[in-house]
C-alpha atoms as a PDB file:
ATOM      1  CA  MET A   1      -5.556 -30.251  -1.646  1.00  0.00           C
ATOM      2  CA  GLY A   2      -5.031 -34.276  -2.269  1.00  0.00           C
ATOM      3  CA  THR A   3      -1.923 -36.180  -1.598  1.00  0.00           C
ATOM      4  CA  GLY A   4       1.795 -35.042  -2.029  1.00  0.00           C
ATOM      5  CA  SER A   5       2.858 -31.755  -2.058  1.00  0.00           C
ATOM      6  CA  PRO A   6       1.564 -28.805  -4.413  1.00  0.00           C
ATOM      7  CA  MET A   7       4.438 -29.018  -6.631  1.00  0.00           C
ATOM      8  CA  MET A   8       4.151 -32.817  -7.150  1.00  0.00           C
ATOM      9  CA  ASN A   9       0.445 -32.397  -8.024  1.00  0.00           C
ATOM     10  CA  ARG A  10       0.913 -29.341  -9.719  1.00  0.00           C
ATOM     11  CA  LYS A  11      -2.248 -27.981  -7.635  1.00  0.00           C
ATOM     12  CA  MET A  12      -2.140 -25.071  -5.180  1.00  0.00           C
ATOM     13  CA  LEU A  13      -4.617 -22.963  -3.189  1.00  0.00           C
ATOM     14  CA  ALA A  14      -5.579 -19.373  -4.245  1.00  0.00           C
ATOM     15  CA  ALA A  15      -7.922 -16.950  -3.583  1.00  0.00           C
ATOM     16  CA  THR A  16     -10.438 -15.746  -6.263  1.00  0.00           C
ATOM     17  CA  PHE A  17     -12.468 -12.709  -5.887  1.00  0.00           C
ATOM     18  CA  LYS A  18     -15.598 -14.105  -7.819  1.00  0.00           C
ATOM     19  CA  ARG A  19     -17.756 -11.073  -7.451  1.00  0.00           C
ATOM     20  CA  PRO A  20     -18.006  -8.037  -4.929  1.00  0.00           C
ATOM     21  CA  ARG A  21     -17.743  -9.187  -1.419  1.00  0.00           C
ATOM     22  CA  HIS A  22     -17.312 -12.599  -2.310  1.00  0.00           C
ATOM     23  CA  VAL A  23     -13.948 -14.319  -2.249  1.00  0.00           C
ATOM     24  CA  VAL A  24     -13.468 -18.244  -2.241  1.00  0.00           C
ATOM     25  CA  VAL A  25     -10.075 -19.867  -1.430  1.00  0.00           C
ATOM     26  CA  GLU A  26     -10.125 -22.806  -3.956  1.00  0.00           C
ATOM     27  CA  GLU A  27      -7.330 -25.173  -5.660  1.00  0.00           C
ATOM     28  CA  VAL A  28      -6.321 -24.259  -9.170  1.00  0.00           C
ATOM     29  CA  ASP A  29      -3.588 -25.304 -11.275  1.00  0.00           C
ATOM     30  CA  ILE A  30      -0.089 -24.096 -10.411  1.00  0.00           C
ATOM     31  CA  PRO A  31       0.705 -21.619 -13.233  1.00  0.00           C
ATOM     32  CA  LEU A  32       3.548 -22.276 -15.784  1.00  0.00           C
ATOM     33  CA  PRO A  33       6.282 -19.605 -15.801  1.00  0.00           C
ATOM     34  CA  GLY A  34       7.138 -18.585 -19.315  1.00  0.00           C
ATOM     35  CA  PRO A  35      10.746 -18.118 -20.934  1.00  0.00           C
ATOM     36  CA  GLU A  36      11.136 -14.661 -19.205  1.00  0.00           C
ATOM     37  CA  GLU A  37       9.208 -15.592 -16.115  1.00  0.00           C
ATOM     38  CA  VAL A  38      10.037 -17.140 -12.689  1.00  0.00           C
ATOM     39  CA  LEU A  39       7.521 -19.346 -10.578  1.00  0.00           C
ATOM     40  CA  VAL A  40       7.689 -18.183  -6.893  1.00  0.00           C
ATOM     41  CA  LYS A  41       6.479 -19.637  -3.819  1.00  0.00           C
ATOM     42  CA  VAL A  42       4.626 -16.987  -1.957  1.00  0.00           C
ATOM     43  CA  LEU A  43       5.791 -16.686   1.580  1.00  0.00           C
ATOM     44  CA  PHE A  44       4.232 -13.323   2.586  1.00  0.00           C
ATOM     45  CA  ASN A  45       1.661 -10.981   1.197  1.00  0.00           C
ATOM     46  CA  GLY A  46       0.267  -7.912   2.572  1.00  0.00           C
ATOM     47  CA  ILE A  47      -3.349  -7.103   2.362  1.00  0.00           C
ATOM     48  CA  CYS A  48      -3.302  -3.684   0.770  1.00  0.00           C
ATOM     49  CA  GLY A  49      -6.305  -0.823   1.157  1.00  0.00           C
ATOM     50  CA  THR A  50      -6.338  -1.567  -2.835  1.00  0.00           C
ATOM     51  CA  ASP A  51      -7.441  -4.888  -1.997  1.00  0.00           C
ATOM     52  CA  LEU A  52     -10.142  -3.623   0.195  1.00  0.00           C
ATOM     53  CA  ARG A  53     -11.615  -1.446  -2.275  1.00  0.00           C
ATOM     54  CA  VAL A  54     -11.425  -4.569  -4.729  1.00  0.00           C
ATOM     55  CA  TRP A  55     -13.215  -6.511  -2.231  1.00  0.00           C
ATOM     56  CA  GLU A  56     -15.989  -4.012  -1.954  1.00  0.00           C
ATOM     57  CA  GLY A  57     -16.026  -3.797  -5.909  1.00  0.00           C
ATOM     58  CA  THR A  58     -15.354  -0.047  -5.847  1.00  0.00           C
ATOM     59  CA  HIS A  59     -11.865   0.060  -7.114  1.00  0.00           C
ATOM     60  CA  TRP A  60     -11.184   2.134 -10.569  1.00  0.00           C
ATOM     61  CA  SER A  61      -9.044  -0.792 -11.587  1.00  0.00           C
ATOM     62  CA  ILE A  62     -11.963  -3.455 -11.776  1.00  0.00           C
ATOM     63  CA  GLU A  63     -12.674  -4.332 -15.341  1.00  0.00           C
ATOM     64  CA  GLY A  64     -15.111  -7.743 -14.798  1.00  0.00           C
ATOM     65  CA  TRP A  65     -15.805 -10.558 -12.723  1.00  0.00           C
ATOM     66  CA  PRO A  66     -14.099 -12.850 -11.620  1.00  0.00           C
ATOM     67  CA  LEU A  67     -10.877 -11.890 -11.038  1.00  0.00           C
ATOM     68  CA  GLU A  68      -8.092 -14.233 -12.039  1.00  0.00           C
ATOM     69  CA  PRO A  69      -6.996 -16.441  -9.087  1.00  0.00           C
ATOM     70  CA  GLY A  70      -4.616 -14.895  -6.898  1.00  0.00           C
ATOM     71  CA  ALA A  71      -5.706 -11.121  -7.621  1.00  0.00           C
ATOM     72  CA  SER A  72      -5.410  -8.771  -6.455  1.00  0.00           C
ATOM     73  CA  GLY A  73      -2.511  -9.710  -4.075  1.00  0.00           C
ATOM     74  CA  HIS A  74       0.551  -7.377  -4.963  1.00  0.00           C
ATOM     75  CA  GLU A  75       2.491  -6.743  -1.772  1.00  0.00           C
ATOM     76  CA  SER A  76       4.622  -9.814  -2.011  1.00  0.00           C
ATOM     77  CA  VAL A  77       7.630 -11.683  -0.883  1.00  0.00           C
ATOM     78  CA  GLY A  78       8.717 -15.289  -1.841  1.00  0.00           C
ATOM     79  CA  GLU A  79      11.182 -17.689  -2.835  1.00  0.00           C
ATOM     80  CA  VAL A  80      12.046 -18.892  -6.568  1.00  0.00           C
ATOM     81  CA  VAL A  81      11.108 -22.478  -7.467  1.00  0.00           C
ATOM     82  CA  SER A  82      11.887 -22.467 -10.941  1.00  0.00           C
ATOM     83  CA  VAL A  83      13.065 -19.971 -13.870  1.00  0.00           C
ATOM     84  CA  GLY A  84      12.281 -19.945 -17.495  1.00  0.00           C
ATOM     85  CA  LYS A  85      15.000 -20.465 -19.919  1.00  0.00           C
ATOM     86  CA  MET A  86      15.887 -16.777 -20.585  1.00  0.00           C
ATOM     87  CA  VAL A  87      15.582 -15.656 -17.128  1.00  0.00           C
ATOM     88  CA  LYS A  88      19.401 -14.549 -16.142  1.00  0.00           C
ATOM     89  CA  GLY A  89      20.741 -13.538 -12.533  1.00  0.00           C
ATOM     90  CA  LEU A  90      18.028 -15.643 -10.603  1.00  0.00           C
ATOM     91  CA  ARG A  91      17.904 -19.153  -9.368  1.00  0.00           C
ATOM     92  CA  PRO A  92      15.978 -21.453  -7.539  1.00  0.00           C
ATOM     93  CA  GLY A  93      15.818 -20.592  -3.704  1.00  0.00           C
ATOM     94  CA  ASP A  94      16.457 -16.840  -4.126  1.00  0.00           C
ATOM     95  CA  LYS A  95      14.188 -14.776  -2.317  1.00  0.00           C
ATOM     96  CA  VAL A  96      12.259 -12.116  -4.291  1.00  0.00           C
ATOM     97  CA  ALA A  97       9.981  -9.211  -3.872  1.00  0.00           C
ATOM     98  CA  GLY A  98       8.314  -6.627  -6.005  1.00  0.00           C
ATOM     99  CA  PHE A  99       6.232  -9.058  -7.908  1.00  0.00           C
ATOM    100  CA  GLY A 100       2.844  -9.569  -7.708  1.00  0.00           C
ATOM    101  CA  GLY A 101      -0.631  -9.041  -8.873  1.00  0.00           C
ATOM    102  CA  ARG A 102      -1.851 -12.664  -8.411  1.00  0.00           C
ATOM    103  CA  SER A 103      -0.097 -13.390  -5.041  1.00  0.00           C
ATOM    104  CA  PHE A 104      -3.126 -14.315  -3.027  1.00  0.00           C
ATOM    105  CA  ALA A 105      -1.873 -17.750  -3.802  1.00  0.00           C
ATOM    106  CA  GLN A 106       0.749 -20.396  -2.977  1.00  0.00           C
ATOM    107  CA  TYR A 107       2.447 -19.701  -6.124  1.00  0.00           C
ATOM    108  CA  ALA A 108       2.697 -16.900  -8.690  1.00  0.00           C
ATOM    109  CA  VAL A 109       4.640 -16.430 -11.815  1.00  0.00           C
ATOM    110  CA  ALA A 110       6.449 -13.188 -11.878  1.00  0.00           C
ATOM    111  CA  LYS A 111       8.743 -11.244 -14.459  1.00  0.00           C
ATOM    112  CA  GLY A 112      11.472  -9.515 -13.216  1.00  0.00           C
ATOM    113  CA  PRO A 113      10.870  -9.751  -9.381  1.00  0.00           C
ATOM    114  CA  ILE A 114      13.665  -8.031  -7.362  1.00  0.00           C
ATOM    115  CA  LEU A 115      16.564 -10.229  -5.499  1.00  0.00           C
ATOM    116  CA  VAL A 116      16.656  -9.411  -1.926  1.00  0.00           C
ATOM    117  CA  ALA A 117      18.958 -10.789   0.800  1.00  0.00           C
ATOM    118  CA  ASP A 118      17.274 -13.754   2.736  1.00  0.00           C
ATOM    119  CA  ARG A 119      16.609 -11.554   5.854  1.00  0.00           C
ATOM    120  CA  ALA A 120      13.779  -9.596   7.374  1.00  0.00           C
ATOM    121  CA  LEU A 121      11.448 -10.784   4.772  1.00  0.00           C
ATOM    122  CA  GLU A 122       8.370 -10.483   6.498  1.00  0.00           C
ATOM    123  CA  ARG A 123       8.816  -6.663   6.775  1.00  0.00           C
ATOM    124  CA  LEU A 124       9.545  -6.740   2.822  1.00  0.00           C
ATOM    125  CA  SER A 125       5.870  -7.302   2.485  1.00  0.00           C
ATOM    126  CA  LEU A 126       5.571  -3.312   3.124  1.00  0.00           C
ATOM    127  CA  THR A 127       7.969  -2.765   0.332  1.00  0.00           C
ATOM    128  CA  SER A 128       4.950  -1.309  -1.924  1.00  0.00           C
ATOM    129  CA  PRO A 129       3.467   0.881   0.694  1.00  0.00           C
ATOM    130  CA  LEU A 130       6.984   2.406   1.697  1.00  0.00           C
ATOM    131  CA  SER A 131       7.798   2.693  -1.790  1.00  0.00           C
ATOM    132  CA  ASN A 132       4.736   4.688  -2.264  1.00  0.00           C
ATOM    133  CA  ALA A 133       5.206   6.640   0.629  1.00  0.00           C
ATOM    134  CA  LEU A 134       8.757   7.541  -0.606  1.00  0.00           C
ATOM    135  CA  ASN A 135       7.268   8.962  -3.492  1.00  0.00           C
ATOM    136  CA  ILE A 136       4.798  10.910  -2.173  1.00  0.00           C
ATOM    137  CA  VAL A 137       7.680  12.277  -0.070  1.00  0.00           C
ATOM    138  CA  SER A 138       9.377  13.135  -3.226  1.00  0.00           C
ATOM    139  CA  LEU A 139       6.285  14.844  -4.906  1.00  0.00           C
ATOM    140  CA  ALA A 140       5.827  16.731  -1.644  1.00  0.00           C
ATOM    141  CA  ASP A 141       9.194  18.593  -2.133  1.00  0.00           C
ATOM    142  CA  THR A 142       8.724  20.372   1.706  1.00  0.00           C
ATOM    143  CA  ARG A 143      11.283  22.635   2.712  1.00  0.00           C
ATOM    144  CA  PRO A 144      13.336  21.996   5.653  1.00  0.00           C
ATOM    145  CA  ASN A 145      11.723  22.736   8.660  1.00  0.00           C
ATOM    146  CA  GLY A 146       8.454  22.987   6.639  1.00  0.00           C
ATOM    147  CA  ARG A 147       4.634  21.611   7.419  1.00  0.00           C
ATOM    148  CA  ALA A 148       2.773  19.136   5.731  1.00  0.00           C
ATOM    149  CA  LEU A 149      -0.813  18.191   6.076  1.00  0.00           C
ATOM    150  CA  ILE A 150      -1.335  14.180   5.799  1.00  0.00           C
ATOM    151  CA  MET A 151      -5.080  13.311   5.501  1.00  0.00           C
ATOM    152  CA  GLY A 152      -5.523   9.552   6.258  1.00  0.00           C
ATOM    153  CA  GLN A 153      -3.287   7.504   8.001  1.00  0.00           C
ATOM    154  CA  GLY A 154      -3.443   4.162   6.731  1.00  0.00           C
ATOM    155  CA  THR A 155      -0.410   2.068   6.069  1.00  0.00           C
ATOM    156  CA  ILE A 156       0.925   4.562   3.313  1.00  0.00           C
ATOM    157  CA  GLY A 157      -0.468   7.751   5.216  1.00  0.00           C
ATOM    158  CA  LEU A 158       1.376   6.630   8.255  1.00  0.00           C
ATOM    159  CA  LEU A 159       4.811   5.730   6.599  1.00  0.00           C
ATOM    160  CA  VAL A 160       4.474   9.468   4.887  1.00  0.00           C
ATOM    161  CA  THR A 161       4.056  10.779   8.531  1.00  0.00           C
ATOM    162  CA  LYS A 162       7.199   8.673   9.794  1.00  0.00           C
ATOM    163  CA  LEU A 163       9.278   9.588   6.762  1.00  0.00           C
ATOM    164  CA  LEU A 164       8.578  13.499   6.802  1.00  0.00           C
ATOM    165  CA  SER A 165       9.164  13.613  10.706  1.00  0.00           C
ATOM    166  CA  MET A 166      12.444  11.611  10.084  1.00  0.00           C
ATOM    167  CA  ARG A 167      13.419  14.693   7.763  1.00  0.00           C
ATOM    168  CA  ARG A 168      12.243  17.139  10.548  1.00  0.00           C
ATOM    169  CA  ILE A 169       9.051  18.280   8.863  1.00  0.00           C
ATOM    170  CA  GLU A 170       6.499  19.495  10.787  1.00  0.00           C
ATOM    171  CA  VAL A 171       3.700  16.882  10.364  1.00  0.00           C
ATOM    172  CA  ILE A 172      -0.237  17.545  10.817  1.00  0.00           C
ATOM    173  CA  ALA A 173      -2.280  14.476  10.449  1.00  0.00           C
ATOM    174  CA  THR A 174      -5.982  13.564  10.306  1.00  0.00           C
ATOM    175  CA  ASP A 175      -8.096  10.313  10.529  1.00  0.00           C
ATOM    176  CA  ILE A 176     -11.329   9.049  11.995  1.00  0.00           C
ATOM    177  CA  ILE A 177      -9.955   5.991  13.486  1.00  0.00           C
ATOM    178  CA  ASP A 178      -8.389   5.913  17.089  1.00  0.00           C
ATOM    179  CA  ARG A 179      -5.328   3.459  16.541  1.00  0.00           C
ATOM    180  CA  ARG A 180      -4.281   5.344  13.490  1.00  0.00           C
ATOM    181  CA  LEU A 181      -4.400   8.470  15.409  1.00  0.00           C
ATOM    182  CA  GLU A 182      -2.410   7.138  18.447  1.00  0.00           C
ATOM    183  CA  LEU A 183       0.323   5.848  15.904  1.00  0.00           C
ATOM    184  CA  SER A 184       0.513   8.893  13.858  1.00  0.00           C
ATOM    185  CA  GLU A 185       1.169  10.966  17.252  1.00  0.00           C
ATOM    186  CA  LYS A 186       3.693   8.251  18.391  1.00  0.00           C
ATOM    187  CA  PHE A 187       5.378   8.870  14.774  1.00  0.00           C
ATOM    188  CA  GLY A 188       5.800  12.685  15.564  1.00  0.00           C
ATOM    189  CA  ALA A 189       2.330  14.444  14.230  1.00  0.00           C
ATOM    190  CA  HIS A 190       0.382  16.866  15.430  1.00  0.00           C
ATOM    191  CA  VAL A 191      -3.245  14.925  14.898  1.00  0.00           C
ATOM    192  CA  TYR A 192      -6.669  16.110  14.677  1.00  0.00           C
ATOM    193  CA  ASP A 193      -9.717  13.535  14.734  1.00  0.00           C
ATOM    194  CA  ALA A 194     -11.520  14.062  11.467  1.00  0.00           C
ATOM    195  CA  ARG A 195     -14.983  12.725  12.965  1.00  0.00           C
ATOM    196  CA  ASP A 196     -14.979  16.275  14.771  1.00  0.00           C
ATOM    197  CA  GLN A 197     -16.990  18.336  12.753  1.00  0.00           C
ATOM    198  CA  GLY A 198     -14.846  21.611  13.498  1.00  0.00           C
ATOM    199  CA  TYR A 199     -11.430  19.752  12.764  1.00  0.00           C
ATOM    200  CA  VAL A 200     -10.621  22.021   9.722  1.00  0.00           C
ATOM    201  CA  ALA A 201     -11.095  24.938  11.558  1.00  0.00           C
ATOM    202  CA  LYS A 202      -9.061  23.847  14.497  1.00  0.00           C
ATOM    203  CA  ILE A 203      -6.300  23.206  11.845  1.00  0.00           C
ATOM    204  CA  LEU A 204      -6.502  26.484  10.451  1.00  0.00           C
ATOM    205  CA  ARG A 205      -6.478  28.230  13.957  1.00  0.00           C
ATOM    206  CA  ASP A 206      -3.511  26.179  15.254  1.00  0.00           C
ATOM    207  CA  PHE A 207      -1.341  26.362  11.904  1.00  0.00           C
ATOM    208  CA  GLY A 208      -3.089  28.577   9.268  1.00  0.00           C
ATOM    209  CA  GLU A 209      -3.040  27.095   5.416  1.00  0.00           C
ATOM    210  CA  VAL A 210      -0.632  24.428   4.898  1.00  0.00           C
ATOM    211  CA  GLU A 211       1.719  24.400   2.043  1.00  0.00           C
ATOM    212  CA  THR A 212       1.625  20.532   0.973  1.00  0.00           C
ATOM    213  CA  VAL A 213      -1.582  18.699   1.576  1.00  0.00           C
ATOM    214  CA  VAL A 214      -1.645  14.856   0.911  1.00  0.00           C
ATOM    215  CA  GLU A 215      -4.959  13.080   0.462  1.00  0.00           C
ATOM    216  CA  CYS A 216      -4.459   9.713   1.288  1.00  0.00           C
ATOM    217  CA  ALA A 217      -7.616   8.401   2.608  1.00  0.00           C
ATOM    218  CA  GLY A 218      -9.269   8.213  -1.013  1.00  0.00           C
ATOM    219  CA  SER A 219     -12.508   9.801   0.000  1.00  0.00           C
ATOM    220  CA  GLU A 220     -14.547  13.084  -1.414  1.00  0.00           C
ATOM    221  CA  ASN A 221     -15.128  13.684   2.622  1.00  0.00           C
ATOM    222  CA  THR A 222     -11.210  14.404   2.711  1.00  0.00           C
ATOM    223  CA  LEU A 223     -10.679  15.908  -0.740  1.00  0.00           C
ATOM    224  CA  VAL A 224     -12.824  18.869  -0.008  1.00  0.00           C
ATOM    225  CA  PRO A 225     -11.299  20.012   3.225  1.00  0.00           C
ATOM    226  CA  ALA A 226      -7.925  19.668   1.576  1.00  0.00           C
ATOM    227  CA  CYS A 227      -8.797  22.215  -0.775  1.00  0.00           C
ATOM    228  CA  GLU A 228      -9.581  24.378   2.197  1.00  0.00           C
ATOM    229  CA  LEU A 229      -6.413  23.451   4.289  1.00  0.00           C
ATOM    230  CA  VAL A 230      -3.901  24.153   1.341  1.00  0.00           C
ATOM    231  CA  ALA A 231      -1.990  27.495   1.212  1.00  0.00           C
ATOM    232  CA  PRO A 232      -1.880  29.876  -1.925  1.00  0.00           C
ATOM    233  CA  SER A 233       0.557  28.418  -4.468  1.00  0.00           C
ATOM    234  CA  GLY A 234       0.668  25.052  -2.660  1.00  0.00           C
ATOM    235  CA  THR A 235       0.249  21.454  -3.435  1.00  0.00           C
ATOM    236  CA  ILE A 236      -2.334  18.846  -2.690  1.00  0.00           C
ATOM    237  CA  ILE A 237      -1.158  15.229  -3.989  1.00  0.00           C
ATOM    238  CA  ILE A 238      -3.910  12.945  -4.603  1.00  0.00           C
ATOM    239  CA  TYR A 239      -2.741   9.504  -3.357  1.00  0.00           C
ATOM    240  CA  GLY A 240      -5.929   7.923  -2.320  1.00  0.00           C
ATOM    241  CA  CYS A 241      -8.115   5.763  -4.717  1.00  0.00           C
ATOM    242  CA  GLN A 242     -10.891   7.864  -6.076  1.00  0.00           C
ATOM    243  CA  VAL A 243     -13.818   6.801  -8.646  1.00  0.00           C
ATOM    244  CA  MET A 244     -14.817  10.524  -9.267  1.00  0.00           C
ATOM    245  CA  MET A 245     -13.652  13.577  -8.111  1.00  0.00           C
ATOM    246  CA  LYS A 246     -15.673  16.617  -7.530  1.00  0.00           C
ATOM    247  CA  LEU A 247     -13.283  19.549  -6.700  1.00  0.00           C
ATOM    248  CA  PRO A 248     -14.507  23.075  -5.619  1.00  0.00           C
ATOM    249  CA  TYR A 249     -13.240  25.359  -8.001  1.00  0.00           C
ATOM    250  CA  LYS A 250     -13.394  28.940  -6.301  1.00  0.00           C
ATOM    251  CA  PRO A 251     -10.416  28.032  -3.461  1.00  0.00           C
ATOM    252  CA  LEU A 252      -8.350  26.443  -6.200  1.00  0.00           C
ATOM    253  CA  ARG A 253      -8.765  28.858  -8.670  1.00  0.00           C
ATOM    254  CA  ARG A 254      -8.090  31.565  -6.095  1.00  0.00           C
ATOM    255  CA  LYS A 255      -5.117  30.302  -4.312  1.00  0.00           C
ATOM    256  CA  GLY A 256      -3.651  28.950  -7.453  1.00  0.00           C
ATOM    257  CA  VAL A 257      -3.171  25.582  -6.270  1.00  0.00           C
ATOM    258  CA  ARG A 258      -1.200  22.816  -8.078  1.00  0.00           C
ATOM    259  CA  ILE A 259      -2.794  19.142  -8.039  1.00  0.00           C
ATOM    260  CA  GLU A 260      -0.285  16.326  -8.305  1.00  0.00           C
ATOM    261  CA  PHE A 261      -1.185  12.892  -8.986  1.00  0.00           C
ATOM    262  CA  GLY A 262       0.914  10.144  -7.455  1.00  0.00           C
ATOM    263  CA  THR A 263       2.148   6.868  -9.781  1.00  0.00           C
ATOM    264  CA  ALA A 264       2.345   4.229  -6.932  1.00  0.00           C
ATOM    265  CA  SER A 265       6.398   3.910  -6.367  1.00  0.00           C
ATOM    266  CA  THR A 266       7.450   5.742  -9.554  1.00  0.00           C
ATOM    267  CA  ASN A 267       8.156   9.762  -9.674  1.00  0.00           C
ATOM    268  CA  ALA A 268       7.087  10.155 -12.954  1.00  0.00           C
ATOM    269  CA  ARG A 269       8.595  13.352 -13.656  1.00  0.00           C
ATOM    270  CA  ARG A 270      11.651  12.230 -12.208  1.00  0.00           C
ATOM    271  CA  ASP A 271      11.555   8.848 -13.664  1.00  0.00           C
ATOM    272  CA  ILE A 272      12.627   7.158 -10.114  1.00  0.00           C
ATOM    273  CA  ASP A 273      11.247   3.946  -8.860  1.00  0.00           C
ATOM    274  CA  TYR A 274      11.591   3.996  -5.149  1.00  0.00           C
ATOM    275  CA  ALA A 275      11.053   0.298  -4.662  1.00  0.00           C
ATOM    276  CA  LEU A 276      14.585  -0.518  -4.240  1.00  0.00           C
ATOM    277  CA  GLU A 277      15.108   2.404  -1.648  1.00  0.00           C
ATOM    278  CA  ALA A 278      12.410   0.851   0.121  1.00  0.00           C
ATOM    279  CA  ILE A 279      14.027  -2.513   0.103  1.00  0.00           C
ATOM    280  CA  ARG A 280      17.274  -1.384   1.310  1.00  0.00           C
ATOM    281  CA  MET A 281      15.535   0.659   4.113  1.00  0.00           C
ATOM    282  CA  LEU A 282      13.105  -2.479   5.424  1.00  0.00           C
ATOM    283  CA  GLN A 283      16.316  -4.664   5.395  1.00  0.00           C
ATOM    284  CA  GLU A 284      18.725  -2.504   6.982  1.00  0.00           C
ATOM    285  CA  ASP A 285      16.341  -1.034   9.422  1.00  0.00           C
ATOM    286  CA  ALA A 286      16.494   2.070   8.414  1.00  0.00           C
ATOM    287  CA  ILE A 287      13.222   2.887   9.349  1.00  0.00           C
ATOM    288  CA  ASP A 288      10.803   1.002  12.285  1.00  0.00           C
ATOM    289  CA  VAL A 289       7.884  -0.510  10.969  1.00  0.00           C
ATOM    290  CA  GLU A 290       7.032  -2.760  13.789  1.00  0.00           C
ATOM    291  CA  ASP A 291       3.927  -1.106  14.731  1.00  0.00           C
ATOM    292  CA  ILE A 292       2.593  -1.001  11.217  1.00  0.00           C
ATOM    293  CA  ILE A 293       1.997  -5.063  10.896  1.00  0.00           C
ATOM    294  CA  SER A 294      -0.699  -5.959  12.981  1.00  0.00           C
ATOM    295  CA  ALA A 295      -1.637  -9.362  12.452  1.00  0.00           C
ATOM    296  CA  LYS A 296      -0.298 -12.587  10.386  1.00  0.00           C
ATOM    297  CA  ILE A 297      -2.910 -14.880   8.680  1.00  0.00           C
ATOM    298  CA  SER A 298      -2.940 -17.970   6.631  1.00  0.00           C
ATOM    299  CA  LEU A 299      -4.907 -17.853   3.167  1.00  0.00           C
ATOM    300  CA  LYS A 300      -7.964 -19.579   4.158  1.00  0.00           C
ATOM    301  CA  GLU A 301      -8.475 -16.880   6.645  1.00  0.00           C
ATOM    302  CA  LEU A 302      -8.394 -14.152   4.126  1.00  0.00           C
ATOM    303  CA  PRO A 303     -12.232 -14.146   3.044  1.00  0.00           C
ATOM    304  CA  ASP A 304     -13.492 -13.987   6.547  1.00  0.00           C
ATOM    305  CA  VAL A 305     -10.791 -10.840   7.197  1.00  0.00           C
ATOM    306  CA  LEU A 306     -11.561  -9.062   4.095  1.00  0.00           C
ATOM    307  CA  ALA A 307     -15.078  -9.113   5.068  1.00  0.00           C
ATOM    308  CA  ASN A 308     -14.436  -8.195   8.832  1.00  0.00           C
ATOM    309  CA  PHE A 309     -11.657  -6.258   8.249  1.00  0.00           C
ATOM    310  CA  ASP A 310     -11.124  -4.403  11.746  1.00  0.00           C
ATOM    311  CA  ARG A 311      -9.702  -0.835  10.935  1.00  0.00           C
ATOM    312  CA  ASN A 312      -9.872  -0.404  15.101  1.00  0.00           C
ATOM    313  CA  ARG A 313      -7.386  -2.950  15.636  1.00  0.00           C
ATOM    314  CA  TRP A 314      -5.452  -3.334  12.378  1.00  0.00           C
ATOM    315  CA  ILE A 315      -2.997  -1.748  10.355  1.00  0.00           C
ATOM    316  CA  LYS A 316      -1.282  -4.036   7.722  1.00  0.00           C
ATOM    317  CA  VAL A 317      -2.747  -7.597   7.959  1.00  0.00           C
ATOM    318  CA  VAL A 318       0.004  -9.722   6.239  1.00  0.00           C
ATOM    319  CA  VAL A 319      -1.087 -13.079   4.651  1.00  0.00           C
ATOM    320  CA  GLU A 320       0.946 -16.323   4.599  1.00  0.00           C
ATOM    321  CA  PRO A 321      -0.089 -18.524   1.786  1.00  0.00           C
ATOM    322  CA  ASN A 322       1.723 -21.582   2.532  1.00  0.00           C
ATOM    323  CA  ARG A 323       0.960 -21.827   6.066  1.00  0.00           C
ATOM    324  CA  LEU A 324      -0.976 -24.497   6.924  1.00  0.00           C
END
């Protein structure tokens, strides 16, 4: 990066997604904050399932290549370096979360990041998935002592399983990866291996149809069984990323199923954003997430980790962009 600190020479390292399956860590200009923005030194940024789909080139949000430097990192925590002249309530040195979009970089500009206490900062890289999980729980609206089926036990699916179990909801969980199934069972779920061709029949045998089914895997191979497993007048919450969906009309029509789409951390019907609640829970140890964060890496390791993401070992990998 040349001599001197990044701030002195106005250069930084950022990961740029050049095309599907090709990411380069390169030196670029440090962005300048506008009057209503702050410049943030990125301390932690989690790798999201969205980022893996972007790397593959299959995510619905992609509109062209290459992406901007730092995109699509968004599970970010950092320290304010400078503030625009119209910014109030933030100053250099403050710790913030909830900014992102271009946070696979040493620095990022942000508008309206959330001020946080200077503790448990690494955990706050889970603010986005936990706020999504809280939204799913609010959409599920499961009755006390009720039952829910969570299909897909990635980071968000596991957090939904933990949250519902904490509320004494009986949880059934499916996945195809042993490590995720082990954690799901530890979090209180009855687990079924979706690699078993008879797993749908086994769930129906053991529990019958389920009133709330959450699709967290982002796969047609999961969505179709969800339609079989949901109970009459039940709800399917579709949260996994989809490009095109094919739904079996007959069982959905016969059972009068309601299909709900999640909108990240915000319950659109109630106009509630769960980011602040997620931050509170993470900083007050109201939820144990130590099993979720599996590894920490430097920014320079990101391209290799994306290309060889080991789902059998890792749940959440956290990038430290300013770690040398």
